[in-house]
């Protein structure tokens, strides 16, 4: 396993990390590992279909989404 040192961490960030770790009954080091692991495994970082993403976000909340059908774009104006 590798180790890292984080320098110049804001006091407020350290305090919030300590509080968050205590809420989950973990050490600050374990909490930092979990946060880093989740951040690099974040599935939102992978590009995907916007409509699918929108449905995944709002349908579980009970929001019914109706998407409009796509139509062809108009020709650009010609000022010549």
C-alpha atoms as a PDB file:
ATOM      1  CA  UNK A   1       0.000   0.000   0.000  1.00  0.00           C
ATOM      2  CA  UNK A   2       1.137   3.518  -0.752  1.00  0.00           C
ATOM      3  CA  UNK A   3       1.183   6.482   1.608  1.00  0.00           C
ATOM      4  CA  UNK A   4       0.678  10.179   0.963  1.00  0.00           C
ATOM      5  CA  UNK A   5       1.093  13.327   3.008  1.00  0.00           C
ATOM      6  CA  UNK A   6      -1.304  16.239   2.570  1.00  0.00           C
ATOM      7  CA  UNK A   7       0.235  19.608   3.357  1.00  0.00           C
ATOM      8  CA  UNK A   8      -1.418  23.014   3.754  1.00  0.00           C
ATOM      9  CA  UNK A   9      -4.825  21.580   4.589  1.00  0.00           C
ATOM     10  CA  UNK A  10      -7.201  24.301   5.771  1.00  0.00           C
ATOM     11  CA  UNK A  11      -8.050  24.075   9.459  1.00  0.00           C
ATOM     12  CA  UNK A  12     -11.765  24.139   8.593  1.00  0.00           C
ATOM     13  CA  UNK A  13     -11.381  21.172   6.223  1.00  0.00           C
ATOM     14  CA  UNK A  14      -9.488  19.225   8.880  1.00  0.00           C
ATOM     15  CA  UNK A  15     -12.176  20.021  11.451  1.00  0.00           C
ATOM     16  CA  UNK A  16     -14.983  18.908   9.122  1.00  0.00           C
ATOM     17  CA  UNK A  17     -13.065  15.715   8.272  1.00  0.00           C
ATOM     18  CA  UNK A  18     -12.672  14.987  11.997  1.00  0.00           C
ATOM     19  CA  UNK A  19     -16.402  15.553  12.613  1.00  0.00           C
ATOM     20  CA  UNK A  20     -17.396  13.441   9.608  1.00  0.00           C
ATOM     21  CA  UNK A  21     -15.095  10.612  10.708  1.00  0.00           C
ATOM     22  CA  UNK A  22     -16.572  10.706  14.205  1.00  0.00           C
ATOM     23  CA  UNK A  23     -20.107  10.503  12.824  1.00  0.00           C
ATOM     24  CA  UNK A  24     -19.221   7.215  11.119  1.00  0.00           C
ATOM     25  CA  UNK A  25     -17.063   5.952  14.022  1.00  0.00           C
ATOM     26  CA  UNK A  26     -13.913   5.976  11.895  1.00  0.00           C
ATOM     27  CA  UNK A  27     -10.468   7.485  12.189  1.00  0.00           C
ATOM     28  CA  UNK A  28      -9.697  10.610  10.176  1.00  0.00           C
ATOM     29  CA  UNK A  29      -7.241   8.585   8.121  1.00  0.00           C
ATOM     30  CA  UNK A  30      -9.860   5.951   7.255  1.00  0.00           C
ATOM     31  CA  UNK A  31     -12.402   8.645   6.417  1.00  0.00           C
ATOM     32  CA  UNK A  32      -9.900  10.368   4.098  1.00  0.00           C
ATOM     33  CA  UNK A  33      -9.193   7.016   2.363  1.00  0.00           C
ATOM     34  CA  UNK A  34     -12.907   6.445   1.815  1.00  0.00           C
ATOM     35  CA  UNK A  35     -13.442   9.975   0.464  1.00  0.00           C
ATOM     36  CA  UNK A  36     -10.491   9.660  -1.929  1.00  0.00           C
ATOM     37  CA  UNK A  37     -11.551   6.192  -3.110  1.00  0.00           C
ATOM     38  CA  UNK A  38     -15.103   7.377  -3.760  1.00  0.00           C
ATOM     39  CA  UNK A  39     -13.852  10.478  -5.577  1.00  0.00           C
ATOM     40  CA  UNK A  40     -11.707   8.545  -8.052  1.00  0.00           C
ATOM     41  CA  UNK A  41     -14.423   5.924  -8.570  1.00  0.00           C
ATOM     42  CA  UNK A  42     -17.111   8.573  -9.110  1.00  0.00           C
ATOM     43  CA  UNK A  43     -19.330   7.318 -11.925  1.00  0.00           C
ATOM     44  CA  UNK A  44     -20.411  10.870 -12.734  1.00  0.00           C
ATOM     45  CA  UNK A  45     -16.914  11.494 -14.112  1.00  0.00           C
ATOM     46  CA  UNK A  46     -17.678   9.145 -17.029  1.00  0.00           C
ATOM     47  CA  UNK A  47     -19.415  10.937 -19.927  1.00  0.00           C
ATOM     48  CA  UNK A  48     -22.910   9.606 -20.532  1.00  0.00           C
ATOM     49  CA  UNK A  49     -26.283  10.375 -22.014  1.00  0.00           C
ATOM     50  CA  UNK A  50     -27.773  13.576 -20.531  1.00  0.00           C
ATOM     51  CA  UNK A  51     -31.369  12.330 -20.771  1.00  0.00           C
ATOM     52  CA  UNK A  52     -30.463   9.091 -18.987  1.00  0.00           C
ATOM     53  CA  UNK A  53     -28.583  11.013 -16.300  1.00  0.00           C
ATOM     54  CA  UNK A  54     -31.556  13.348 -15.793  1.00  0.00           C
ATOM     55  CA  UNK A  55     -33.962  10.415 -15.419  1.00  0.00           C
ATOM     56  CA  UNK A  56     -31.619   8.718 -12.921  1.00  0.00           C
ATOM     57  CA  UNK A  57     -31.554  11.893 -10.829  1.00  0.00           C
ATOM     58  CA  UNK A  58     -35.235  12.833 -10.828  1.00  0.00           C
ATOM     59  CA  UNK A  59     -37.367   9.703 -11.333  1.00  0.00           C
ATOM     60  CA  UNK A  60     -36.453   8.274  -7.893  1.00  0.00           C
ATOM     61  CA  UNK A  61     -37.798  11.520  -6.428  1.00  0.00           C
ATOM     62  CA  UNK A  62     -41.196  10.904  -8.024  1.00  0.00           C
ATOM     63  CA  UNK A  63     -40.779  13.467 -10.786  1.00  0.00           C
ATOM     64  CA  UNK A  64     -42.387  12.450 -14.084  1.00  0.00           C
ATOM     65  CA  UNK A  65     -40.295  13.636 -17.007  1.00  0.00           C
ATOM     66  CA  UNK A  66     -41.600  14.158 -20.519  1.00  0.00           C
ATOM     67  CA  UNK A  67     -38.941  14.896 -23.088  1.00  0.00           C
ATOM     68  CA  UNK A  68     -39.821  16.798 -26.226  1.00  0.00           C
ATOM     69  CA  UNK A  69     -39.188  15.195 -29.585  1.00  0.00           C
ATOM     70  CA  UNK A  70     -36.166  16.516 -31.419  1.00  0.00           C
ATOM     71  CA  UNK A  71     -36.734  18.694 -34.455  1.00  0.00           C
ATOM     72  CA  UNK A  72     -34.355  19.802 -37.157  1.00  0.00           C
ATOM     73  CA  UNK A  73     -32.561  23.084 -36.594  1.00  0.00           C
ATOM     74  CA  UNK A  74     -33.557  26.059 -38.673  1.00  0.00           C
ATOM     75  CA  UNK A  75     -31.233  27.317 -41.355  1.00  0.00           C
ATOM     76  CA  UNK A  76     -29.046  30.169 -40.085  1.00  0.00           C
ATOM     77  CA  UNK A  77     -29.974  33.674 -41.162  1.00  0.00           C
ATOM     78  CA  UNK A  78     -28.157  35.040 -44.192  1.00  0.00           C
ATOM     79  CA  UNK A  79     -27.381  38.760 -43.924  1.00  0.00           C
ATOM     80  CA  UNK A  80     -25.702  39.137 -47.307  1.00  0.00           C
END
